[in-house]
Protein backbone atom coordinates (compact mmCIF):
# COMPACT_ATOMS: atom_id res chain seq x y z
CA MET A 1 28.82 16.88 -21.23
CA VAL A 2 31.42 18.03 -18.95
CA ARG A 3 30.53 19.11 -15.48
CA ARG A 4 32.58 21.79 -14.18
CA PRO A 5 33.63 21.87 -10.45
CA SER A 6 32.65 24.77 -8.10
CA ARG A 7 32.64 25.41 -4.46
CA LYS A 8 29.09 24.54 -4.17
CA THR A 9 29.06 21.57 -5.36
CA PHE A 10 32.48 20.19 -4.37
CA ARG A 11 31.32 18.59 -1.42
CA PRO A 12 28.23 16.22 -3.03
CA ARG A 13 30.39 15.45 -6.62
CA LEU A 14 32.69 14.16 -4.22
CA ASP A 15 30.30 12.23 -2.19
CA GLU A 16 28.83 10.82 -4.90
CA MET A 17 32.15 9.48 -6.76
CA VAL A 18 33.29 7.67 -3.33
CA THR A 19 30.04 6.46 -2.96
CA SER A 20 29.40 5.12 -5.87
CA ILE A 21 33.30 3.60 -6.46
CA ARG A 22 31.94 2.27 -2.95
CA ASN A 23 28.84 0.79 -3.90
CA ASN A 24 30.34 -0.81 -7.05
CA ILE A 25 32.60 -2.87 -4.81
CA LEU A 26 30.40 -3.69 -2.11
CA THR A 27 28.11 -5.31 -4.56
CA GLY A 28 30.29 -6.91 -6.94
CA SER A 29 30.14 -4.61 -10.07
CA LEU A 30 33.82 -3.80 -9.66
CA GLU A 31 35.54 -7.22 -8.69
CA PRO A 32 38.50 -7.95 -6.57
CA GLU A 33 41.60 -7.18 -8.75
CA GLN A 34 39.84 -4.86 -11.19
CA TYR A 35 40.98 -1.31 -12.24
CA LEU A 36 39.44 1.64 -11.45
CA PRO A 37 39.24 4.77 -14.56
CA SER A 38 42.07 6.72 -14.43
CA GLU A 39 42.19 10.09 -12.13
CA LYS A 40 41.24 12.24 -15.12
CA GLN A 41 38.53 10.47 -16.13
CA LEU A 42 37.09 10.21 -12.78
CA ALA A 43 37.65 13.99 -12.77
CA GLU A 44 35.58 14.43 -16.12
CA GLN A 45 32.67 11.95 -14.91
CA TYR A 46 32.21 13.69 -11.55
CA GLY A 47 32.98 17.23 -12.30
CA LEU A 48 35.78 17.72 -9.95
CA SER A 49 39.57 18.39 -10.03
CA VAL A 50 42.04 15.90 -10.15
CA GLN A 51 43.19 16.55 -6.82
CA SER A 52 39.67 16.17 -5.56
CA VAL A 53 39.55 12.63 -7.05
CA ARG A 54 42.72 12.13 -5.21
CA LYS A 55 41.18 12.83 -1.59
CA GLY A 56 38.12 10.50 -2.66
CA LEU A 57 40.18 7.68 -3.76
CA ASP A 58 42.71 8.46 -0.64
CA LEU A 59 39.13 7.80 1.51
CA LEU A 60 38.69 4.35 -0.41
CA VAL A 61 42.23 3.41 0.40
CA SER A 62 41.65 4.05 3.98
CA GLU A 63 38.50 2.12 3.95
CA ARG A 64 40.56 -0.97 2.34
CA MET A 65 38.41 -0.89 -0.74
CA ILE A 66 41.13 -0.17 -3.05
CA VAL A 67 45.08 0.08 -2.97
CA LYS A 68 47.03 2.54 -5.43
CA ILE A 69 49.49 0.89 -7.29
CA PRO A 70 52.41 3.91 -8.74
CA LYS A 71 52.23 4.64 -12.48
CA ILE A 72 49.36 1.78 -12.96
CA GLY A 73 46.50 2.80 -11.05
CA SER A 74 43.70 2.14 -8.47
CA LYS A 75 42.92 -1.46 -8.09
CA VAL A 76 40.16 -3.04 -5.97
CA LEU A 77 41.02 -5.29 -3.32
CA ASP A 78 39.39 -8.67 -2.10
CA PRO A 79 37.43 -8.03 0.91
CA ALA A 80 38.13 -11.71 1.86
CA GLU A 81 41.91 -10.52 2.09
CA LYS A 82 43.52 -10.76 5.63
CA GLY A 83 41.06 -11.87 7.56
CA ALA A 84 38.21 -9.85 6.50
CA VAL A 85 34.14 -10.36 7.69
CA THR A 86 31.33 -8.47 5.35
CA ILE A 87 28.46 -7.86 6.98
CA ARG A 88 25.05 -6.85 5.19
CA PHE A 89 23.69 -3.62 6.31
CA GLY A 90 20.14 -3.09 5.14
CA TYR A 91 18.70 0.19 4.75
CA SER A 92 15.24 2.42 4.58
CA PRO A 93 15.57 4.71 1.13
CA THR A 94 15.72 7.80 3.16
CA ILE A 95 18.50 6.90 5.18
CA PRO A 96 21.75 8.06 3.28
CA ASP A 97 19.91 11.24 3.79
CA ASP A 98 18.80 11.45 7.07
CA ALA A 99 21.64 9.96 8.59
CA ASP A 100 24.50 10.47 6.27
CA ILE A 101 25.11 6.64 6.13
CA HIS A 102 27.80 6.34 3.91
CA ARG A 103 29.97 8.49 5.55
CA LEU A 104 29.13 6.78 9.09
CA ILE A 105 29.98 3.48 6.99
CA ALA A 106 33.46 4.83 5.94
CA MET A 107 34.51 6.19 9.86
CA PHE A 108 33.63 2.63 10.75
CA HIS A 109 35.99 0.96 8.14
CA ARG A 110 38.82 3.31 9.46
CA GLU A 111 38.15 2.07 12.72
CA HIS A 112 37.37 -1.61 12.08
CA PRO A 113 39.46 -2.11 8.68
CA ASN A 114 38.67 -5.80 9.17
CA ILE A 115 35.02 -5.84 8.99
CA HIS A 116 33.64 -4.68 5.47
CA VAL A 117 30.26 -2.99 5.51
CA GLN A 118 28.08 -3.74 2.45
CA ALA A 119 25.39 -1.60 2.45
CA VAL A 120 22.02 -2.87 1.03
CA PRO A 121 18.83 -0.34 0.44
CA LEU A 122 15.87 -1.93 0.86
CA GLY A 123 12.45 -1.33 -0.88
CA GLY A 124 10.39 -0.72 2.04
CA GLN A 125 10.22 -2.25 5.56
CA LEU A 126 6.88 -4.05 6.07
CA TYR A 127 6.91 -7.39 7.94
CA ASP A 128 6.24 -9.65 5.01
CA GLN A 129 9.15 -7.72 2.53
CA PHE A 130 12.21 -8.33 4.83
CA LYS A 131 11.49 -11.00 7.26
CA PRO A 132 12.58 -13.89 4.61
CA TYR A 133 16.19 -11.65 4.36
CA LEU A 134 16.68 -12.23 8.18
CA ASP A 135 15.60 -15.94 8.04
CA ASN A 136 18.02 -16.76 5.52
CA GLY A 137 20.36 -14.72 6.99
CA MET A 138 20.80 -12.37 4.14
CA LEU A 139 21.04 -9.35 6.65
CA ASP A 140 23.21 -8.74 9.47
CA VAL A 141 22.27 -5.23 10.67
CA VAL A 142 18.84 -3.26 9.67
CA THR A 143 17.29 -0.02 10.30
CA MET A 144 13.40 -0.40 11.63
CA ASN A 145 10.96 2.48 12.17
CA TYR A 146 8.59 2.15 15.18
CA SER A 147 5.66 0.53 13.12
CA SER A 148 8.50 -2.37 11.61
CA TYR A 149 9.09 -2.98 15.08
CA LEU A 150 5.13 -3.01 15.91
CA GLN A 151 4.82 -5.54 13.10
CA PHE A 152 7.36 -7.97 14.30
CA ALA A 153 6.24 -7.35 17.95
CA GLU A 154 2.34 -8.34 16.83
CA HIS A 155 4.03 -11.31 14.59
CA GLY A 156 5.58 -12.69 17.68
CA SER A 157 9.03 -12.42 15.80
CA LEU A 158 10.91 -9.52 18.12
CA ASP A 159 12.86 -13.39 18.81
CA ASP A 160 14.43 -12.83 15.30
CA PHE A 161 16.51 -10.11 16.36
CA GLU A 162 19.39 -10.01 19.15
CA ILE A 163 18.45 -8.82 22.80
CA LEU A 164 20.89 -4.96 23.14
CA GLU A 165 22.24 -3.50 25.78
CA ARG A 166 20.23 -0.38 26.78
CA GLN A 167 22.36 2.66 26.68
CA ASP A 168 22.11 5.36 29.12
CA ALA A 169 23.71 7.85 26.88
CA LEU A 170 20.66 7.82 24.64
CA TYR A 171 16.91 9.37 25.54
CA PRO A 172 15.38 6.91 27.59
CA PHE A 173 12.24 7.47 25.91
CA LEU A 174 13.80 5.70 22.42
CA SER A 175 14.56 3.14 24.10
CA ASP A 176 11.31 2.65 25.93
CA ALA A 177 10.19 2.73 22.51
CA PHE A 178 12.14 -0.40 21.21
CA ALA A 179 11.83 -2.50 24.56
CA LYS A 180 9.45 -5.01 25.78
CA ASP A 181 9.33 -6.97 28.50
CA GLY A 182 12.47 -5.46 29.54
CA GLN A 183 14.39 -6.76 27.02
CA LEU A 184 15.74 -3.75 23.97
CA ARG A 185 15.58 -5.49 20.53
CA VAL A 186 16.22 -2.32 18.51
CA GLN A 187 19.35 0.21 19.41
CA PRO A 188 17.60 3.84 18.85
CA PHE A 189 19.75 5.79 16.22
CA THR A 190 18.18 8.77 15.04
CA PHE A 191 14.52 10.28 16.17
CA SER A 192 12.26 13.25 15.31
CA PRO A 193 8.74 15.05 16.07
CA LEU A 194 6.62 16.49 13.37
CA VAL A 195 7.02 20.34 13.68
CA LEU A 196 5.65 23.37 11.74
CA CYS A 197 7.98 24.75 8.79
CA TYR A 198 7.66 27.93 7.46
CA ASN A 199 8.88 30.47 5.28
CA ARG A 200 9.78 33.81 7.26
CA ALA A 201 9.90 36.06 4.32
CA HIS A 202 6.12 35.44 3.61
CA PHE A 203 5.53 36.31 6.93
CA ILE A 204 7.51 39.48 6.96
CA GLN A 205 5.73 40.19 3.52
CA GLN A 206 2.34 39.94 4.95
CA GLY A 207 3.20 41.61 8.50
CA LEU A 208 1.72 38.21 10.38
CA GLN A 209 3.64 37.36 13.28
CA GLU A 210 5.43 33.71 12.98
CA PRO A 211 4.04 30.51 14.80
CA ASN A 212 4.88 29.65 18.11
CA SER A 213 3.62 27.59 20.78
CA SER A 214 0.39 29.14 21.53
CA TRP A 215 -0.82 28.62 17.85
CA ASN A 216 -4.30 26.35 18.01
CA TRP A 217 -5.59 25.06 14.53
CA GLN A 218 -7.97 28.07 13.94
CA ARG A 219 -5.32 30.39 13.95
CA LEU A 220 -3.13 28.55 11.53
CA ILE A 221 -5.75 28.42 9.01
CA GLU A 222 -6.60 31.84 9.31
CA CYS A 223 -2.51 32.47 8.89
CA ALA A 224 -3.09 30.35 6.04
CA SER A 225 -5.92 32.17 4.34
CA ALA A 226 -3.95 35.67 4.40
CA LEU A 227 -0.62 34.13 2.84
CA ASP A 228 -2.65 32.23 0.86
CA ILE A 229 -2.08 34.18 -3.23
CA PRO A 230 -3.87 32.66 -5.95
CA GLY A 231 -1.56 31.43 -8.78
CA GLU A 232 1.31 32.14 -6.80
CA ARG A 233 1.79 30.35 -3.94
CA VAL A 234 -0.38 27.86 -1.16
CA GLY A 235 -0.96 29.24 2.58
CA PHE A 236 -0.49 25.75 3.96
CA HIS A 237 -1.49 22.17 3.00
CA CYS A 238 -1.49 19.01 4.77
CA TYR A 239 -2.42 15.77 4.18
CA PHE A 240 -3.88 14.10 7.23
CA SER A 241 -4.63 10.68 5.49
CA THR A 242 -0.80 9.40 6.57
CA PRO A 243 -0.78 8.00 10.35
CA ASN A 244 2.11 9.68 11.34
CA ARG A 245 0.10 13.23 10.64
CA ALA A 246 -3.22 12.02 10.87
CA SER A 247 -2.27 11.01 14.66
CA ILE A 248 -1.65 14.16 15.71
CA MET A 249 -5.60 15.70 15.58
CA LEU A 250 -6.72 11.98 16.73
CA LEU A 251 -4.41 12.59 19.80
CA GLN A 252 -4.82 16.21 20.68
CA LYS A 253 -8.69 16.09 20.93
CA GLY A 254 -9.51 12.05 20.86
CA GLY A 255 -7.14 10.47 23.11
CA SER A 256 -7.09 7.24 22.69
CA PHE A 257 -9.63 4.97 20.98
CA GLU A 258 -12.39 3.00 22.32
CA ARG A 259 -12.82 -0.49 22.70
CA ARG A 260 -16.00 -3.05 23.02
CA GLU A 261 -15.70 -5.53 25.33
CA ASP A 262 -14.88 -8.51 22.36
CA GLY A 263 -11.55 -5.78 21.76
CA ARG A 264 -13.24 -4.11 18.61
CA LEU A 265 -12.51 -0.70 18.06
CA LYS A 266 -15.72 1.84 19.19
CA LEU A 267 -16.01 5.17 17.34
CA ALA A 268 -20.05 6.29 17.90
CA GLY A 269 -20.88 8.59 20.53
CA THR A 270 -16.81 8.89 21.28
CA ARG A 271 -14.65 11.73 22.01
CA MET A 272 -12.51 9.90 19.47
CA MET A 273 -15.54 10.32 16.61
CA ASP A 274 -15.37 14.13 17.71
CA ALA A 275 -11.96 14.33 16.70
CA ILE A 276 -12.41 12.24 13.27
CA ARG A 277 -15.12 15.23 12.83
CA TYR A 278 -13.24 17.98 13.87
CA SER A 279 -10.46 16.90 11.54
CA ARG A 280 -13.03 16.73 8.68
CA GLU A 281 -14.60 19.80 8.97
CA LEU A 282 -10.87 21.49 9.37
CA TYR A 283 -9.75 19.79 6.21
CA GLU A 284 -12.49 21.04 4.50
CA HIS A 285 -10.99 24.42 5.75
CA ILE A 286 -7.40 24.08 4.18
CA PRO A 287 -6.59 25.33 1.21
CA SER A 288 -6.41 23.05 -2.00
CA LEU A 289 -3.87 22.39 -4.30
CA PRO A 290 -4.14 24.31 -7.67
CA ASN A 291 -5.29 21.26 -9.80
CA SER A 292 -4.72 16.96 -9.93
CA LEU A 293 -1.46 17.86 -11.77
CA MET A 294 0.11 18.60 -8.11
CA ASN A 295 1.17 15.82 -6.00
CA TRP A 296 1.67 16.97 -3.00
CA GLU A 297 3.63 14.17 -1.21
CA ALA A 298 6.44 14.83 -3.99
CA GLU A 299 6.36 18.15 -4.50
CA LYS A 300 6.17 20.10 -0.91
CA VAL A 301 9.68 20.17 -0.20
CA GLN A 302 10.31 21.31 -3.94
CA MET A 303 7.23 24.00 -3.41
CA LEU A 304 8.56 25.00 -0.07
CA ARG A 305 12.29 25.55 -1.60
CA GLN A 306 11.06 27.45 -4.75
CA GLY A 307 8.59 29.67 -1.93
CA LYS A 308 5.23 28.10 -3.69
CA LEU A 309 4.22 27.02 -0.02
CA SER A 310 4.19 28.90 2.91
CA ILE A 311 3.86 26.44 5.37
CA ALA A 312 4.34 22.63 6.29
CA ILE A 313 4.05 19.76 8.86
CA LEU A 314 7.61 17.91 8.35
CA SER A 315 9.95 16.25 10.25
CA TYR A 316 13.60 17.26 11.09
CA PHE A 317 14.62 14.44 8.82
CA THR A 318 12.78 16.02 5.55
CA LEU A 319 14.57 19.95 7.22
CA ASN A 320 17.52 17.48 5.07
CA HIS A 321 16.11 18.61 1.71
CA LEU A 322 16.49 22.44 2.64
CA ARG A 323 19.77 22.34 3.69
CA ASP A 324 21.49 23.41 1.11
CA ALA A 325 18.42 26.03 -0.14
CA GLU A 326 18.22 29.65 0.08
CA LEU A 327 15.70 29.75 2.04
CA ASP A 328 14.34 31.80 5.19
CA TYR A 329 12.59 29.35 6.94
CA ASP A 330 11.98 28.44 10.99
CA ILE A 331 10.39 25.57 12.57
CA ALA A 332 7.39 26.13 15.13
CA PRO A 333 5.36 23.08 17.45
CA VAL A 334 2.58 21.64 15.47
CA PRO A 335 -0.86 24.28 16.27
CA HIS A 336 -2.77 22.55 19.20
CA LEU A 337 -6.22 21.75 20.67
CA GLY A 338 -5.68 22.71 24.07
CA ASP A 339 -3.51 19.08 24.36
CA ALA A 340 0.04 20.36 22.64
CA LEU A 341 0.79 16.70 21.38
CA THR A 342 2.86 16.01 18.57
CA THR A 343 3.70 12.59 16.80
CA LEU A 344 7.06 11.02 17.27
CA ILE A 345 9.41 8.99 14.68
CA VAL A 346 12.07 7.23 15.86
CA ILE A 347 14.56 5.08 13.82
CA GLY A 348 16.75 2.19 15.25
CA LEU A 349 19.27 -0.48 14.22
CA ALA A 350 18.46 -4.46 15.18
CA VAL A 351 20.97 -6.93 14.68
CA ASN A 352 19.66 -10.57 12.55
CA ARG A 353 19.52 -13.41 15.57
CA HIS A 354 20.18 -15.54 12.33
CA SER A 355 23.48 -13.69 11.25
CA LYS A 356 26.76 -15.71 11.10
CA ASN A 357 28.69 -12.54 12.36
CA LYS A 358 26.74 -11.27 15.10
CA GLU A 359 29.71 -9.69 17.03
CA ALA A 360 30.55 -7.91 13.90
CA ALA A 361 27.33 -6.70 13.39
CA LYS A 362 27.38 -5.61 16.82
CA LYS A 363 29.97 -3.33 16.58
CA LEU A 364 28.78 -2.00 13.65
CA VAL A 365 25.39 -0.81 15.91
CA ASP A 366 27.63 0.07 18.91
CA PHE A 367 29.57 2.65 16.15
CA MET A 368 26.79 3.71 15.16
CA ILE A 369 25.22 5.08 18.25
CA SER A 370 29.35 5.95 19.83
CA SER A 371 29.62 10.16 20.63
CA GLU A 372 31.65 10.65 17.45
CA ALA A 373 29.04 8.90 14.73
CA GLN A 374 26.11 10.54 16.38
CA LEU A 375 28.22 13.82 16.67
CA ALA A 376 29.08 13.79 13.03
CA ILE A 377 24.99 13.10 12.38
CA ARG A 378 24.25 16.22 14.52
CA GLN A 379 26.80 18.25 12.72
CA ASN A 380 26.50 17.16 8.92
CA THR A 381 22.30 16.48 8.77
CA CYS A 382 19.19 18.48 10.36
CA SER A 383 18.64 14.88 11.74
CA LEU A 384 18.28 14.22 15.53
CA PRO A 385 20.79 11.45 16.89
CA ALA A 386 19.56 9.60 19.10
CA ARG A 387 22.33 10.30 21.67
CA VAL A 388 21.59 13.17 23.92
CA THR A 389 24.70 15.22 24.33
CA ALA A 390 25.23 14.60 20.34
CA ALA A 391 21.67 15.66 20.10
CA GLU A 392 22.17 18.88 21.78
CA TRP A 393 25.49 19.82 20.73
CA SER A 394 25.76 23.61 20.55
CA GLY A 395 29.72 23.93 19.22
CA PRO A 396 30.33 25.80 16.45
CA ASP A 397 28.21 25.53 13.16
CA SER A 398 30.42 25.41 10.50
CA GLY A 399 27.75 27.43 7.91
CA VAL A 400 27.85 25.17 5.35
CA ILE A 401 23.92 23.47 6.49
CA ASN A 402 21.15 25.67 6.46
CA ARG A 403 19.27 25.12 9.58
CA PRO A 404 16.32 26.62 11.15
CA SER A 405 17.17 29.14 14.07
CA ARG A 406 15.11 27.33 16.45
CA PHE A 407 16.81 23.83 16.02
CA SER A 408 16.96 23.15 19.36
CA LEU A 409 13.51 23.71 19.71
CA PHE A 410 13.05 19.69 19.90
CA ARG A 411 14.17 19.85 23.56
CA GLU A 412 11.37 22.25 24.92
CA ILE A 413 8.24 19.77 23.30
CA ILE A 414 9.92 16.71 24.38
CA PRO A 415 7.04 16.95 26.91
CA SER A 416 4.53 16.32 23.85
CA TYR A 417 5.93 13.46 22.17
CA ARG A 418 3.21 10.72 21.09
CA LEU A 419 4.00 7.13 19.27
CA PHE A 420 0.68 6.59 17.35
CA SER A 421 -0.11 3.20 19.58
CA ASP A 422 -0.86 5.72 22.35
CA LEU A 423 -4.10 5.75 20.19
CA ASN A 424 -5.02 2.31 21.15
CA LEU A 425 -4.47 1.07 17.92
CA ARG A 426 -2.54 -1.97 16.60
CA GLU A 427 0.15 -1.97 13.76
CA SER A 428 -2.15 -4.48 12.16
CA GLU A 429 -4.99 -2.12 12.54
CA MET A 430 -3.60 1.43 11.35
CA HIS A 431 -3.46 0.74 7.49
CA GLY A 432 -7.38 -0.42 7.12
CA LEU A 433 -8.71 2.79 9.52
CA PHE A 434 -7.18 5.16 7.75
CA SER A 435 -8.34 4.00 4.80
CA GLU A 436 -11.98 4.50 5.97
CA LEU A 437 -10.85 7.89 7.61
CA ARG A 438 -9.56 9.00 4.22
CA LEU A 439 -13.21 8.07 2.65
CA TYR A 440 -14.50 9.83 5.53
CA TRP A 441 -12.45 13.07 5.26
CA ALA A 442 -13.45 13.35 1.30
CA GLY A 443 -17.00 13.26 2.09
CA LEU A 444 -17.36 9.86 0.53
CA GLN A 445 -18.48 8.02 3.26
CA ASP A 446 -21.29 8.45 6.23
CA GLU A 447 -20.25 8.74 9.90
CA GLU A 448 -22.85 5.89 10.51
CA THR A 449 -20.80 3.86 7.54
CA LEU A 450 -17.19 4.78 8.95
CA CYS A 451 -18.33 3.41 12.48
CA LYS A 452 -19.40 0.35 11.37
CA ARG A 453 -16.37 -0.19 8.91
CA VAL A 454 -14.01 0.25 11.52
CA GLU A 455 -16.03 -1.90 14.09
CA GLU A 456 -15.65 -4.97 11.49
CA LEU A 457 -12.06 -4.12 10.27
CA SER A 458 -10.57 -4.34 14.23
CA ALA A 459 -9.52 -7.31 15.55
CA SER A 460 -10.03 -9.52 18.65
CA PRO A 461 -7.95 -9.02 21.48
CA ALA A 462 -6.90 -12.82 21.33
CA ASP A 463 -5.26 -12.53 17.61
CA THR A 464 -2.75 -9.74 18.43
CA PRO A 465 -2.22 -8.55 21.82
CA LEU A 466 -1.38 -4.62 22.25
CA SER A 467 2.05 -4.06 22.44
CA PRO A 468 2.76 -1.46 25.29
CA SER A 469 4.06 2.18 24.15
CA PRO A 470 6.40 4.44 26.58
CA VAL A 471 4.95 6.42 28.73
CA MET A 472 6.72 10.09 27.39
CA PRO A 473 8.31 12.62 30.13
């Protein structure tokens, strides 16, 4: 069935066409000298007008991906022509939504026509998953989150990445997160704190005050109960089983984990055990989802969009899934327990030391943190760019993106940002620790067993040194 063009879907469909053709060229599905389908065929395939198709093809011409031959068609160019260099850019699955990465790559191509970027989606960012790709020089630039960075640090593999120049134009606390011994191995690209996201209409309907910085967790549970309508919507639901979300409660009430003299984690009788116990009590009062058919992680955004969920804990990155929704929503700081703290998520870019095209790779990273690219992220997504002037840009909004009215909240709460390493945990301990915590929070493990298991799983300091975490402003 042919899709009909509409103003509402024009831009996504045009982006879909350009991205699909670009990726097919870069991956070799469309080979040099091969011709694209006709403009009419492309228009029918993507539900666009022929005029719109021409605009998309003109963009690919400017990127030197194709050449238009009058009365014949559009031919794929050979990247090796005219001394072109090809670099491979490995990115995590969320980056296209988080940073509109293909738009940025197209902008880079226009500025550097002889450097072709092959975008390579990665299945994950675990150390063992893409260390071989780096060793073999198969990736020149990679996106890296803080957890991945710590994995490389704990394996003593930060030398796999080029030392980069620290940029004063970026938020200093982001660069601090990716620096060790004064050397920057990963350039900050985007970031986000975890915040409350809520449906304003639900609060208005129930005559409730909207969330603000004074909220504690008890206030959240009380409002969630008032917003909850059985068979219609859930007031609030959040699994605290992921490190980023669980870290909020642990940081606020527990501070950091204590360790025994031999370096093993200590829980019994500590402030952190009080926090873990409190989290379990709080979790027992959070309304459960209607039944086991609901997959919370997969459904939470869709539930928000459909008005089936009133409050959730999300990142600015996740707000990108609401940017085209007809939803009256806003954001607020996460509730507190005296210390108003929240988890910080940081995404950076690293250059492979084994790359055969390091200079071209560095140019890509430099471009991605340039004023032009960072402002494009700010204007076309809900994500926060690492460059201060771009993140805090306050120019006229096009109105195309549905942003929360309190979008600039991130500036107000910068002093509350913490990384999960502030819990005095090694990245290598995180998986096992939270597996045990999930059992305890679910009521499937008693406190004594939890304390014993956590102590057993923790490594000694002689095995892996703790990575320093930045001091937040």
